[in-house]
Amino acid sequence: MPKIKWTNKDFNVFHIDGLEQRMDALNSSVRPKFQLLGEDFSAYFSSHLGEEFYPHVAKHARRTVNPPNDSWVAFAPYKRGYKSLPHFQIGLWSTHLFIILTIIYEAPEKNVMAQRLMANKAILGQLPEDFIVSGDHMSPEAFPLQTAKEDKLDELLLRLRDVKKGEFLVGRHIPKEQAIKLTASQLHQITEETFSHLLPIYNVIVGK
């Protein structure tokens, strides 16, 4: 188990002005932690889901002007990419740590995935009270699952099914102030516990 701890410095990377300067800070302080988490949790997913999962640390390679406002490591059962598949993520915005399962607009079968979730919506209602849902991976905003269980959850799943840009994210947001207080062992525990709740959702999404 890698000894990973998030610090104020990690979150404050996203306040640094300039693409080159922010990327330098990301590469020196944040990405090495994502790489270690990638090695650790790709083995976790491989053992729990019965197929090999690969870590994908965000490179932000397409950016030429605007610096990234968040960064992450993603996990998917495909070595060459993850965006076309449902995938797990551990990542940071300046305001919080996120530990999520997500389907983004680039997934070609997201309408089928949405229908599976809609047919098994009760499984989402069994998630812990502090979980969140969102329909936009480009925004730090999210809805508490407890208040979204009725109309908002239906709205997000319908949009995932019917709208080309529709997305669905579910998991935990941990505020920066709380995340920086977690020890390495506490961080690992809450991350693994979050993913353990998301594994059944993933199996529904992929039709297992």
Protein backbone atom coordinates (compact mmCIF):
# COMPACT_ATOMS: atom_id res chain seq x y z
CA MET A 1 0.00 0.00 0.00
CA PRO A 2 1.61 3.30 -1.06
CA LYS A 3 1.91 6.02 1.57
CA ILE A 4 -0.09 8.73 -0.16
CA LYS A 5 -1.24 11.85 1.68
CA TRP A 6 -2.82 14.91 0.09
CA THR A 7 -1.56 18.33 1.15
CA ASN A 8 -2.54 21.97 0.73
CA LYS A 9 0.26 22.24 -1.83
CA ASP A 10 -1.41 19.60 -4.01
CA PHE A 11 -4.76 21.39 -4.05
CA ASN A 12 -3.16 24.80 -4.50
CA VAL A 13 -1.57 23.66 -7.78
CA PHE A 14 -4.86 24.66 -9.43
CA HIS A 15 -4.41 28.28 -8.32
CA ILE A 16 -1.09 28.67 -10.15
CA ASP A 17 -1.33 31.00 -13.14
CA GLY A 18 -0.12 29.92 -16.56
CA LEU A 19 -0.27 26.59 -18.37
CA GLU A 20 3.44 25.80 -18.19
CA GLN A 21 3.77 26.80 -14.54
CA ARG A 22 0.71 24.81 -13.46
CA MET A 23 1.76 21.77 -15.46
CA ASP A 24 5.24 21.90 -13.91
CA ALA A 25 3.70 21.88 -10.44
CA LEU A 26 1.28 19.09 -11.38
CA ASN A 27 4.08 16.96 -12.78
CA SER A 28 6.34 17.46 -9.77
CA SER A 29 3.91 17.08 -6.88
CA VAL A 30 0.55 15.58 -7.94
CA ARG A 31 1.17 13.18 -10.82
CA PRO A 32 3.66 11.01 -8.87
CA LYS A 33 0.93 10.40 -6.29
CA PHE A 34 -1.56 9.51 -9.01
CA GLN A 35 0.96 7.07 -10.48
CA LEU A 36 1.36 5.31 -7.14
CA LEU A 37 -2.40 5.20 -6.61
CA GLY A 38 -2.73 3.91 -10.16
CA GLU A 39 -0.48 0.95 -9.47
CA ASP A 40 -2.25 0.18 -6.21
CA PHE A 41 -5.86 0.42 -7.31
CA SER A 42 -5.46 -1.11 -10.77
CA ALA A 43 -4.51 -4.29 -8.90
CA TYR A 44 -7.56 -3.80 -6.65
CA PHE A 45 -9.96 -3.55 -9.60
CA SER A 46 -8.31 -6.44 -11.44
CA SER A 47 -8.74 -8.74 -8.46
CA HIS A 48 -12.31 -7.68 -7.67
CA LEU A 49 -13.72 -7.50 -11.20
CA GLY A 50 -12.02 -10.50 -12.78
CA GLU A 51 -10.30 -8.73 -15.67
CA GLU A 52 -7.15 -6.68 -15.93
CA PHE A 53 -7.54 -2.97 -15.21
CA TYR A 54 -5.02 -0.34 -16.24
CA PRO A 55 -4.25 3.06 -14.69
CA HIS A 56 -4.37 6.19 -16.85
CA VAL A 57 -2.88 9.33 -15.30
CA ALA A 58 -4.22 12.49 -16.92
CA LYS A 59 -1.63 14.09 -19.22
CA HIS A 60 -3.60 17.20 -20.30
CA ALA A 61 -1.62 16.92 -23.52
CA ARG A 62 -4.20 18.69 -25.71
CA ARG A 63 -4.02 21.91 -23.73
CA THR A 64 -2.16 24.77 -25.38
CA VAL A 65 -3.47 27.83 -23.51
CA ASN A 66 -5.77 27.16 -20.55
CA PRO A 67 -4.27 25.29 -17.60
CA PRO A 68 -6.25 22.32 -16.22
CA ASN A 69 -8.62 22.97 -13.32
CA ASP A 70 -8.56 19.36 -12.15
CA SER A 71 -6.48 16.23 -12.60
CA TRP A 72 -6.90 12.51 -11.95
CA VAL A 73 -5.94 8.91 -12.44
CA ALA A 74 -8.56 6.77 -14.19
CA PHE A 75 -8.99 3.00 -14.19
CA ALA A 76 -10.43 0.93 -17.04
CA PRO A 77 -9.99 -2.57 -18.52
CA TYR A 78 -8.28 -1.24 -21.64
CA LYS A 79 -4.60 -0.38 -21.84
CA ARG A 80 -4.81 2.24 -24.58
CA GLY A 81 -7.54 4.45 -23.14
CA TYR A 82 -10.51 4.82 -20.86
CA LYS A 83 -12.81 7.59 -22.09
CA SER A 84 -14.98 5.32 -24.24
CA LEU A 85 -15.60 2.99 -21.29
CA PRO A 86 -17.20 3.37 -17.86
CA HIS A 87 -14.26 4.03 -15.57
CA PHE A 88 -13.23 4.78 -12.01
CA GLN A 89 -11.30 7.91 -11.02
CA ILE A 90 -9.35 9.37 -8.14
CA GLY A 91 -8.73 13.07 -8.65
CA LEU A 92 -8.48 16.62 -7.37
CA TRP A 93 -10.16 19.94 -7.94
CA SER A 94 -8.85 22.88 -5.93
CA THR A 95 -11.81 22.44 -3.60
CA HIS A 96 -12.04 18.69 -3.10
CA LEU A 97 -10.83 15.15 -3.68
CA PHE A 98 -13.11 13.00 -5.84
CA ILE A 99 -13.44 9.22 -5.85
CA ILE A 100 -15.95 8.28 -8.52
CA LEU A 101 -17.34 5.96 -11.17
CA THR A 102 -18.17 7.77 -14.38
CA ILE A 103 -19.62 7.46 -17.87
CA ILE A 104 -18.66 10.40 -20.07
CA TYR A 105 -20.06 11.53 -23.40
CA GLU A 106 -17.37 9.69 -25.38
CA ALA A 107 -18.77 6.27 -24.41
CA PRO A 108 -20.48 4.96 -27.58
CA GLU A 109 -22.89 2.66 -25.71
CA LYS A 110 -23.87 5.07 -22.97
CA ASN A 111 -27.55 4.85 -23.92
CA VAL A 112 -27.48 1.12 -23.15
CA MET A 113 -25.59 1.78 -19.92
CA ALA A 114 -28.21 4.36 -18.93
CA GLN A 115 -31.02 1.88 -19.56
CA ARG A 116 -29.30 -0.67 -17.32
CA LEU A 117 -29.00 1.89 -14.54
CA MET A 118 -32.61 2.96 -14.96
CA ALA A 119 -33.77 -0.66 -14.73
CA ASN A 120 -31.71 -1.13 -11.56
CA LYS A 121 -32.11 2.31 -10.00
CA ALA A 122 -32.72 0.81 -6.55
CA ILE A 123 -29.04 -0.13 -6.32
CA LEU A 124 -28.14 3.57 -6.38
CA GLY A 125 -30.46 4.14 -3.45
CA GLN A 126 -28.40 1.72 -1.38
CA LEU A 127 -25.26 3.85 -1.55
CA PRO A 128 -24.03 5.75 1.55
CA GLU A 129 -25.73 9.02 2.43
CA ASP A 130 -22.67 11.15 1.67
CA PHE A 131 -22.38 10.03 -1.97
CA ILE A 132 -22.91 12.49 -4.81
CA VAL A 133 -24.10 12.35 -8.42
CA SER A 134 -23.33 14.66 -11.33
CA GLY A 135 -23.97 14.99 -15.05
CA ASP A 136 -20.83 16.89 -16.05
CA HIS A 137 -17.25 15.74 -15.54
CA MET A 138 -16.00 19.21 -16.49
CA SER A 139 -17.67 20.84 -13.46
CA PRO A 140 -16.75 20.53 -9.78
CA GLU A 141 -20.41 20.84 -8.82
CA ALA A 142 -22.47 17.81 -7.84
CA PHE A 143 -25.77 16.88 -6.21
CA PRO A 144 -26.05 15.00 -2.90
CA LEU A 145 -27.44 11.58 -3.78
CA GLN A 146 -29.90 11.78 -0.89
CA THR A 147 -31.66 14.79 -2.39
CA ALA A 148 -31.23 13.61 -5.99
CA LYS A 149 -32.81 10.18 -5.54
CA GLU A 150 -36.09 11.13 -7.13
CA ASP A 151 -36.41 13.73 -9.87
CA LYS A 152 -32.76 14.73 -10.32
CA LEU A 153 -31.49 11.17 -10.58
CA ASP A 154 -34.11 10.37 -13.20
CA GLU A 155 -33.20 13.55 -15.07
CA LEU A 156 -29.49 12.66 -15.11
CA LEU A 157 -30.11 9.11 -16.32
CA LEU A 158 -32.53 10.25 -19.03
CA ARG A 159 -30.00 12.80 -20.22
CA LEU A 160 -27.28 10.15 -20.23
CA ARG A 161 -29.51 7.99 -22.43
CA ASP A 162 -30.94 10.60 -24.79
CA VAL A 163 -28.47 13.50 -25.06
CA LYS A 164 -25.17 13.19 -26.90
CA LYS A 165 -23.34 15.23 -24.25
CA GLY A 166 -25.07 13.45 -21.37
CA GLU A 167 -22.80 12.04 -18.64
CA PHE A 168 -23.17 10.34 -15.27
CA LEU A 169 -20.83 10.45 -12.28
CA VAL A 170 -21.39 8.82 -8.90
CA GLY A 171 -19.13 8.56 -5.86
CA ARG A 172 -17.67 10.71 -3.12
CA HIS A 173 -16.41 14.27 -2.90
CA ILE A 174 -14.18 14.94 0.11
CA PRO A 175 -13.64 18.64 0.84
CA LYS A 176 -10.02 19.80 0.77
CA GLU A 177 -10.13 20.74 4.45
CA GLN A 178 -11.07 17.16 5.34
CA ALA A 179 -8.84 15.46 2.77
CA ILE A 180 -5.61 17.11 3.99
CA LYS A 181 -6.28 15.84 7.52
CA LEU A 182 -6.48 12.19 6.42
CA THR A 183 -3.48 10.03 7.18
CA ALA A 184 -2.17 7.77 4.40
CA SER A 185 -3.93 4.76 5.93
CA GLN A 186 -7.21 6.68 6.39
CA LEU A 187 -7.04 7.89 2.79
CA HIS A 188 -6.48 4.38 1.50
CA GLN A 189 -9.32 3.06 3.65
CA ILE A 190 -11.89 5.62 2.52
CA THR A 191 -10.85 5.24 -1.12
CA GLU A 192 -11.16 1.46 -1.04
CA GLU A 193 -14.44 1.66 0.88
CA THR A 194 -15.85 4.08 -1.69
CA PHE A 195 -14.86 1.83 -4.58
CA SER A 196 -16.32 -1.22 -2.82
CA HIS A 197 -19.72 0.51 -2.91
CA LEU A 198 -19.26 1.39 -6.59
CA LEU A 199 -18.28 -2.09 -7.82
CA PRO A 200 -21.92 -3.35 -7.96
CA ILE A 201 -22.89 -0.20 -9.88
CA TYR A 202 -20.11 -0.87 -12.38
CA ASN A 203 -21.32 -4.45 -12.84
CA VAL A 204 -24.82 -3.16 -13.61
CA ILE A 205 -23.44 -0.65 -16.12
CA VAL A 206 -21.45 -3.27 -18.02
CA GLY A 207 -24.25 -5.85 -17.88
CA LYS A 208 -22.62 -8.41 -15.59
